[in-house]
C-alpha cells in the first residue's frame, strides 16, 4: 500500500480498498480534517475542539468479523 492522503469524505472512493474504507469510517465519525495512510501507519489531523475518543476503536475494528457458531 502506498501513501494515501484524504482531505475529506469525497476522496474516499472504493468500498473495496481498505484505506478508503478506513478513511470513510473515520470521516463519518466527524471531527477529522485530514488523514494520511501509509501501510500500517495512520496520521490523523483532528479538528480543533475535538478529541481522539473513538478513533482507536474504529481502526481496531475495521476488519473484525464475528460469526455465530
PDB file of N, CA and C in Angstrom:
ATOM      1  N   UNK A   1       0.848  -1.168   0.000  1.00  0.00           N
ATOM      2  CA  UNK A   1       0.000   0.000   0.000  1.00  0.00           C
ATOM      3  C   UNK A   1       0.896   1.234   0.000  1.00  0.00           C
ATOM      4  N   UNK A   2       0.625   2.161  -0.876  1.00  0.00           N
ATOM      5  CA  UNK A   2       1.394   3.394  -0.945  1.00  0.00           C
ATOM      6  C   UNK A   2       0.798   4.485  -0.072  1.00  0.00           C
ATOM      7  N   UNK A   3       1.351   5.669  -0.208  1.00  0.00           N
ATOM      8  CA  UNK A   3       0.851   6.807   0.556  1.00  0.00           C
ATOM      9  C   UNK A   3      -0.521   7.206   0.060  1.00  0.00           C
ATOM     10  N   UNK A   4      -1.419   7.440   0.994  1.00  0.00           N
ATOM     11  CA  UNK A   4      -2.769   7.902   0.657  1.00  0.00           C
ATOM     12  C   UNK A   4      -3.079   9.097   1.532  1.00  0.00           C
ATOM     13  N   UNK A   5      -3.539  10.191   0.955  1.00  0.00           N
ATOM     14  CA  UNK A   5      -3.913  11.373   1.709  1.00  0.00           C
ATOM     15  C   UNK A   5      -5.365  11.696   1.418  1.00  0.00           C
ATOM     16  N   UNK A   6      -6.112  11.982   2.473  1.00  0.00           N
ATOM     17  CA  UNK A   6      -7.534  12.300   2.354  1.00  0.00           C
ATOM     18  C   UNK A   6      -7.789  13.642   3.034  1.00  0.00           C
ATOM     19  N   UNK A   7      -8.422  14.550   2.297  1.00  0.00           N
ATOM     20  CA  UNK A   7      -8.776  15.857   2.855  1.00  0.00           C
ATOM     21  C   UNK A   7     -10.245  15.945   3.214  1.00  0.00           C
ATOM     22  N   UNK A   8     -10.996  14.909   2.897  1.00  0.00           N
ATOM     23  CA  UNK A   8     -12.418  14.906   3.208  1.00  0.00           C
ATOM     24  C   UNK A   8     -13.081  13.652   2.691  1.00  0.00           C
ATOM     25  N   UNK A   9     -14.329  13.433   3.088  1.00  0.00           N
ATOM     26  CA  UNK A   9     -15.025  12.206   2.717  1.00  0.00           C
ATOM     27  C   UNK A   9     -15.230  12.023   1.216  1.00  0.00           C
ATOM     28  N   UNK A  10     -15.231  13.097   0.448  1.00  0.00           N
ATOM     29  CA  UNK A  10     -15.438  12.977  -1.001  1.00  0.00           C
ATOM     30  C   UNK A  10     -14.293  12.235  -1.675  1.00  0.00           C
ATOM     31  N   UNK A  11     -13.146  12.142  -1.016  1.00  0.00           N
ATOM     32  CA  UNK A  11     -11.981  11.482  -1.599  1.00  0.00           C
ATOM     33  C   UNK A  11     -11.935   9.988  -1.314  1.00  0.00           C
ATOM     34  N   UNK A  12     -12.883   9.480  -0.565  1.00  0.00           N
ATOM     35  CA  UNK A  12     -12.925   8.048  -0.238  1.00  0.00           C
ATOM     36  C   UNK A  12     -13.786   7.362  -1.285  1.00  0.00           C
ATOM     37  N   UNK A  13     -13.149   6.740  -2.271  1.00  0.00           N
ATOM     38  CA  UNK A  13     -13.877   6.233  -3.417  1.00  0.00           C
ATOM     39  C   UNK A  13     -14.331   4.792  -3.362  1.00  0.00           C
ATOM     40  N   UNK A  14     -13.457   3.872  -3.054  1.00  0.00           N
ATOM     41  CA  UNK A  14     -13.755   2.457  -3.215  1.00  0.00           C
ATOM     42  C   UNK A  14     -14.196   1.792  -1.916  1.00  0.00           C
ATOM     43  N   UNK A  15     -15.249   1.009  -2.004  1.00  0.00           N
ATOM     44  CA  UNK A  15     -15.693   0.231  -0.848  1.00  0.00           C
ATOM     45  C   UNK A  15     -14.854  -1.030  -0.681  1.00  0.00           C
ATOM     46  N   UNK A  16     -13.985  -1.310  -1.645  1.00  0.00           N
ATOM     47  CA  UNK A  16     -13.144  -2.499  -1.586  1.00  0.00           C
ATOM     48  C   UNK A  16     -11.714  -2.193  -1.149  1.00  0.00           C
ATOM     49  N   UNK A  17     -11.311  -0.952  -1.235  1.00  0.00           N
ATOM     50  CA  UNK A  17      -9.958  -0.563  -0.855  1.00  0.00           C
ATOM     51  C   UNK A  17      -9.914  -0.315   0.654  1.00  0.00           C
ATOM     52  N   UNK A  18      -9.075  -1.050   1.387  1.00  0.00           N
ATOM     53  CA  UNK A  18      -9.034  -0.913   2.846  1.00  0.00           C
ATOM     54  C   UNK A  18      -8.750   0.512   3.317  1.00  0.00           C
ATOM     55  N   UNK A  19      -7.856   1.229   2.637  1.00  0.00           N
ATOM     56  CA  UNK A  19      -7.551   2.604   3.036  1.00  0.00           C
ATOM     57  C   UNK A  19      -8.775   3.500   2.853  1.00  0.00           C
ATOM     58  N   UNK A  20      -9.493   3.336   1.740  1.00  0.00           N
ATOM     59  CA  UNK A  20     -10.705   4.125   1.501  1.00  0.00           C
ATOM     60  C   UNK A  20     -11.786   3.810   2.530  1.00  0.00           C
ATOM     61  N   UNK A  21     -11.945   2.542   2.875  1.00  0.00           N
ATOM     62  CA  UNK A  21     -12.946   2.140   3.862  1.00  0.00           C
ATOM     63  C   UNK A  21     -12.620   2.754   5.220  1.00  0.00           C
ATOM     64  N   UNK A  22     -11.366   2.680   5.624  1.00  0.00           N
ATOM     65  CA  UNK A  22     -10.962   3.262   6.902  1.00  0.00           C
ATOM     66  C   UNK A  22     -11.172   4.768   6.894  1.00  0.00           C
ATOM     67  N   UNK A  23     -10.751   5.431   5.840  1.00  0.00           N
ATOM     68  CA  UNK A  23     -10.927   6.881   5.748  1.00  0.00           C
ATOM     69  C   UNK A  23     -12.398   7.256   5.827  1.00  0.00           C
ATOM     70  N   UNK A  24     -13.234   6.527   5.116  1.00  0.00           N
ATOM     71  CA  UNK A  24     -14.671   6.792   5.138  1.00  0.00           C
ATOM     72  C   UNK A  24     -15.238   6.677   6.550  1.00  0.00           C
ATOM     73  N   UNK A  25     -14.864   5.620   7.263  1.00  0.00           N
ATOM     74  CA  UNK A  25     -15.360   5.412   8.629  1.00  0.00           C
ATOM     75  C   UNK A  25     -14.872   6.503   9.581  1.00  0.00           C
ATOM     76  N   UNK A  26     -13.631   6.918   9.397  1.00  0.00           N
ATOM     77  CA  UNK A  26     -13.103   7.973  10.262  1.00  0.00           C
ATOM     78  C   UNK A  26     -13.791   9.303   9.991  1.00  0.00           C
ATOM     79  N   UNK A  27     -14.022   9.642   8.722  1.00  0.00           N
ATOM     80  CA  UNK A  27     -14.720  10.887   8.408  1.00  0.00           C
ATOM     81  C   UNK A  27     -16.174  10.849   8.875  1.00  0.00           C
ATOM     82  N   UNK A  28     -16.820   9.684   8.835  1.00  0.00           N
ATOM     83  CA  UNK A  28     -18.188   9.546   9.338  1.00  0.00           C
ATOM     84  C   UNK A  28     -18.257   9.867  10.829  1.00  0.00           C
ATOM     85  N   UNK A  29     -17.194   9.549  11.558  1.00  0.00           N
ATOM     86  CA  UNK A  29     -17.120   9.840  12.988  1.00  0.00           C
ATOM     87  C   UNK A  29     -17.219  11.340  13.228  1.00  0.00           C
ATOM     88  N   UNK A  30     -16.626  12.124  12.329  1.00  0.00           N
ATOM     89  CA  UNK A  30     -16.617  13.569  12.490  1.00  0.00           C
ATOM     90  C   UNK A  30     -15.393  14.037  13.263  1.00  0.00           C
ATOM     91  N   UNK A  31     -15.105  15.329  13.185  1.00  0.00           N
ATOM     92  CA  UNK A  31     -14.010  15.904  13.928  1.00  0.00           C
ATOM     93  C   UNK A  31     -12.638  15.614  13.353  1.00  0.00           C
ATOM     94  N   UNK A  32     -12.574  15.286  12.063  1.00  0.00           N
ATOM     95  CA  UNK A  32     -11.300  14.991  11.417  1.00  0.00           C
ATOM     96  C   UNK A  32     -11.169  15.878  10.178  1.00  0.00           C
ATOM     97  N   UNK A  33     -10.049  16.612  10.109  1.00  0.00           N
ATOM     98  CA  UNK A  33      -9.805  17.487   8.956  1.00  0.00           C
ATOM     99  C   UNK A  33      -9.147  16.745   7.800  1.00  0.00           C
ATOM    100  N   UNK A  34      -8.215  15.853   8.115  1.00  0.00           N
ATOM    101  CA  UNK A  34      -7.484  15.132   7.073  1.00  0.00           C
ATOM    102  C   UNK A  34      -6.813  13.918   7.688  1.00  0.00           C
ATOM    103  N   UNK A  35      -6.421  12.980   6.822  1.00  0.00           N
ATOM    104  CA  UNK A  35      -5.641  11.851   7.304  1.00  0.00           C
ATOM    105  C   UNK A  35      -4.727  11.339   6.206  1.00  0.00           C
ATOM    106  N   UNK A  36      -3.659  10.693   6.652  1.00  0.00           N
ATOM    107  CA  UNK A  36      -2.658  10.136   5.761  1.00  0.00           C
ATOM    108  C   UNK A  36      -2.434   8.692   6.170  1.00  0.00           C
ATOM    109  N   UNK A  37      -2.459   7.796   5.198  1.00  0.00           N
ATOM    110  CA  UNK A  37      -2.272   6.375   5.470  1.00  0.00           C
ATOM    111  C   UNK A  37      -1.105   5.884   4.618  1.00  0.00           C
ATOM    112  N   UNK A  38      -0.169   5.212   5.254  1.00  0.00           N
ATOM    113  CA  UNK A  38       0.947   4.581   4.553  1.00  0.00           C
ATOM    114  C   UNK A  38       1.203   3.245   5.224  1.00  0.00           C
ATOM    115  N   UNK A  39       0.791   2.167   4.570  1.00  0.00           N
ATOM    116  CA  UNK A  39       0.927   0.840   5.168  1.00  0.00           C
ATOM    117  C   UNK A  39       0.110   0.756   6.438  1.00  0.00           C
ATOM    118  N   UNK A  40       0.768   0.463   7.541  1.00  0.00           N
ATOM    119  CA  UNK A  40       0.039   0.345   8.810  1.00  0.00           C
ATOM    120  C   UNK A  40       0.175   1.596   9.669  1.00  0.00           C
ATOM    121  N   UNK A  41       0.654   2.700   9.083  1.00  0.00           N
ATOM    122  CA  UNK A  41       0.805   3.960   9.811  1.00  0.00           C
ATOM    123  C   UNK A  41      -0.298   4.913   9.374  1.00  0.00           C
ATOM    124  N   UNK A  42      -1.041   5.418  10.354  1.00  0.00           N
ATOM    125  CA  UNK A  42      -2.154   6.323  10.080  1.00  0.00           C
ATOM    126  C   UNK A  42      -1.906   7.609  10.856  1.00  0.00           C
ATOM    127  N   UNK A  43      -1.870   8.737  10.149  1.00  0.00           N
ATOM    128  CA  UNK A  43      -1.708  10.039  10.783  1.00  0.00           C
ATOM    129  C   UNK A  43      -3.010  10.798  10.607  1.00  0.00           C
ATOM    130  N   UNK A  44      -3.594  11.234  11.714  1.00  0.00           N
ATOM    131  CA  UNK A  44      -4.907  11.875  11.679  1.00  0.00           C
ATOM    132  C   UNK A  44      -4.801  13.304  12.172  1.00  0.00           C
ATOM    133  N   UNK A  45      -5.339  14.237  11.377  1.00  0.00           N
ATOM    134  CA  UNK A  45      -5.404  15.643  11.756  1.00  0.00           C
ATOM    135  C   UNK A  45      -6.786  15.880  12.362  1.00  0.00           C
ATOM    136  N   UNK A  46      -6.840  15.894  13.698  1.00  0.00           N
ATOM    137  CA  UNK A  46      -8.105  16.065  14.415  1.00  0.00           C
ATOM    138  C   UNK A  46      -8.483  17.543  14.399  1.00  0.00           C
ATOM    139  N   UNK A  47      -9.744  17.835  14.116  1.00  0.00           N
ATOM    140  CA  UNK A  47     -10.231  19.210  14.061  1.00  0.00           C
ATOM    141  C   UNK A  47     -10.128  19.888  15.418  1.00  0.00           C
ATOM    142  N   UNK A  48      -9.920  21.201  15.403  1.00  0.00           N
ATOM    143  CA  UNK A  48      -9.882  21.970  16.650  1.00  0.00           C
ATOM    144  C   UNK A  48     -11.203  21.802  17.386  1.00  0.00           C
ATOM    145  N   UNK A  49     -11.106  21.613  18.695  1.00  0.00           N
ATOM    146  CA  UNK A  49     -12.300  21.453  19.508  1.00  0.00           C
ATOM    147  C   UNK A  49     -12.754  20.011  19.645  1.00  0.00           C
ATOM    148  N   UNK A  50     -12.108  19.098  18.950  1.00  0.00           N
ATOM    149  CA  UNK A  50     -12.454  17.674  19.026  1.00  0.00           C
ATOM    150  C   UNK A  50     -11.313  16.912  19.686  1.00  0.00           C
ATOM    151  N   UNK A  51     -11.611  15.717  20.183  1.00  0.00           N
ATOM    152  CA  UNK A  51     -10.560  14.865  20.734  1.00  0.00           C
ATOM    153  C   UNK A  51     -10.501  13.564  19.941  1.00  0.00           C
ATOM    154  N   UNK A  52      -9.663  12.669  20.378  1.00  0.00           N
ATOM    155  CA  UNK A  52      -9.453  11.426  19.638  1.00  0.00           C
ATOM    156  C   UNK A  52     -10.335  10.271  20.121  1.00  0.00           C
ATOM    157  N   UNK A  53     -11.292  10.549  20.969  1.00  0.00           N
ATOM    158  CA  UNK A  53     -12.155   9.494  21.501  1.00  0.00           C
ATOM    159  C   UNK A  53     -12.832   8.711  20.377  1.00  0.00           C
ATOM    160  N   UNK A  54     -12.706   7.392  20.439  1.00  0.00           N
ATOM    161  CA  UNK A  54     -13.354   6.503  19.486  1.00  0.00           C
ATOM    162  C   UNK A  54     -12.549   6.163  18.252  1.00  0.00           C
ATOM    163  N   UNK A  55     -11.486   6.909  17.986  1.00  0.00           N
ATOM    164  CA  UNK A  55     -10.696   6.658  16.782  1.00  0.00           C
ATOM    165  C   UNK A  55      -9.995   5.309  16.860  1.00  0.00           C
ATOM    166  N   UNK A  56      -9.410   5.014  17.992  1.00  0.00           N
ATOM    167  CA  UNK A  56      -8.698   3.743  18.169  1.00  0.00           C
ATOM    168  C   UNK A  56      -9.616   2.558  17.877  1.00  0.00           C
ATOM    169  N   UNK A  57     -10.848   2.616  18.362  1.00  0.00           N
ATOM    170  CA  UNK A  57     -11.799   1.524  18.170  1.00  0.00           C
ATOM    171  C   UNK A  57     -12.197   1.366  16.700  1.00  0.00           C
ATOM    172  N   UNK A  58     -12.332   2.466  15.987  1.00  0.00           N
ATOM    173  CA  UNK A  58     -12.664   2.390  14.560  1.00  0.00           C
ATOM    174  C   UNK A  58     -11.551   1.664  13.806  1.00  0.00           C
ATOM    175  N   UNK A  59     -10.314   2.001  14.126  1.00  0.00           N
ATOM    176  CA  UNK A  59      -9.167   1.376  13.461  1.00  0.00           C
ATOM    177  C   UNK A  59      -9.068  -0.100  13.841  1.00  0.00           C
ATOM    178  N   UNK A  60      -9.175  -0.388  15.139  1.00  0.00           N
ATOM    179  CA  UNK A  60      -9.047  -1.769  15.607  1.00  0.00           C
ATOM    180  C   UNK A  60     -10.135  -2.682  15.055  1.00  0.00           C
ATOM    181  N   UNK A  61     -11.339  -2.155  14.873  1.00  0.00           N
ATOM    182  CA  UNK A  61     -12.473  -2.981  14.469  1.00  0.00           C
ATOM    183  C   UNK A  61     -12.730  -2.977  12.967  1.00  0.00           C
ATOM    184  N   UNK A  62     -11.813  -2.417  12.209  1.00  0.00           N
ATOM    185  CA  UNK A  62     -12.032  -2.296  10.754  1.00  0.00           C
ATOM    186  C   UNK A  62     -12.302  -3.648  10.105  1.00  0.00           C
ATOM    187  N   UNK A  63     -11.516  -4.651  10.449  1.00  0.00           N
ATOM    188  CA  UNK A  63     -11.675  -5.957   9.826  1.00  0.00           C
ATOM    189  C   UNK A  63     -11.980  -7.039  10.839  1.00  0.00           C
ATOM    190  N   UNK A  64     -12.686  -6.688  11.899  1.00  0.00           N
ATOM    191  CA  UNK A  64     -13.090  -7.682  12.882  1.00  0.00           C
ATOM    192  C   UNK A  64     -14.382  -8.327  12.396  1.00  0.00           C
ATOM    193  N   UNK A  65     -14.371  -9.638  12.271  1.00  0.00           N
ATOM    194  CA  UNK A  65     -15.554 -10.362  11.815  1.00  0.00           C
ATOM    195  C   UNK A  65     -15.939 -11.403  12.865  1.00  0.00           C
ATOM    196  N   UNK A  66     -17.192 -11.450  13.150  1.00  0.00           N
ATOM    197  CA  UNK A  66     -17.704 -12.451  14.097  1.00  0.00           C
ATOM    198  C   UNK A  66     -18.735 -13.305  13.374  1.00  0.00           C
ATOM    199  N   UNK A  67     -18.725 -14.561  13.674  1.00  0.00           N
ATOM    200  CA  UNK A  67     -19.745 -15.449  13.115  1.00  0.00           C
ATOM    201  C   UNK A  67     -20.445 -16.175  14.249  1.00  0.00           C
ATOM    202  N   UNK A  68     -21.705 -16.470  14.054  1.00  0.00           N
ATOM    203  CA  UNK A  68     -22.456 -17.249  15.033  1.00  0.00           C
ATOM    204  C   UNK A  68     -22.087 -18.715  14.866  1.00  0.00           C
ATOM    205  N   UNK A  69     -21.703 -19.329  15.938  1.00  0.00           N
ATOM    206  CA  UNK A  69     -21.312 -20.742  15.874  1.00  0.00           C
ATOM    207  C   UNK A  69     -22.326 -21.571  16.620  1.00  0.00           C
TER     208      UNK A  69
END
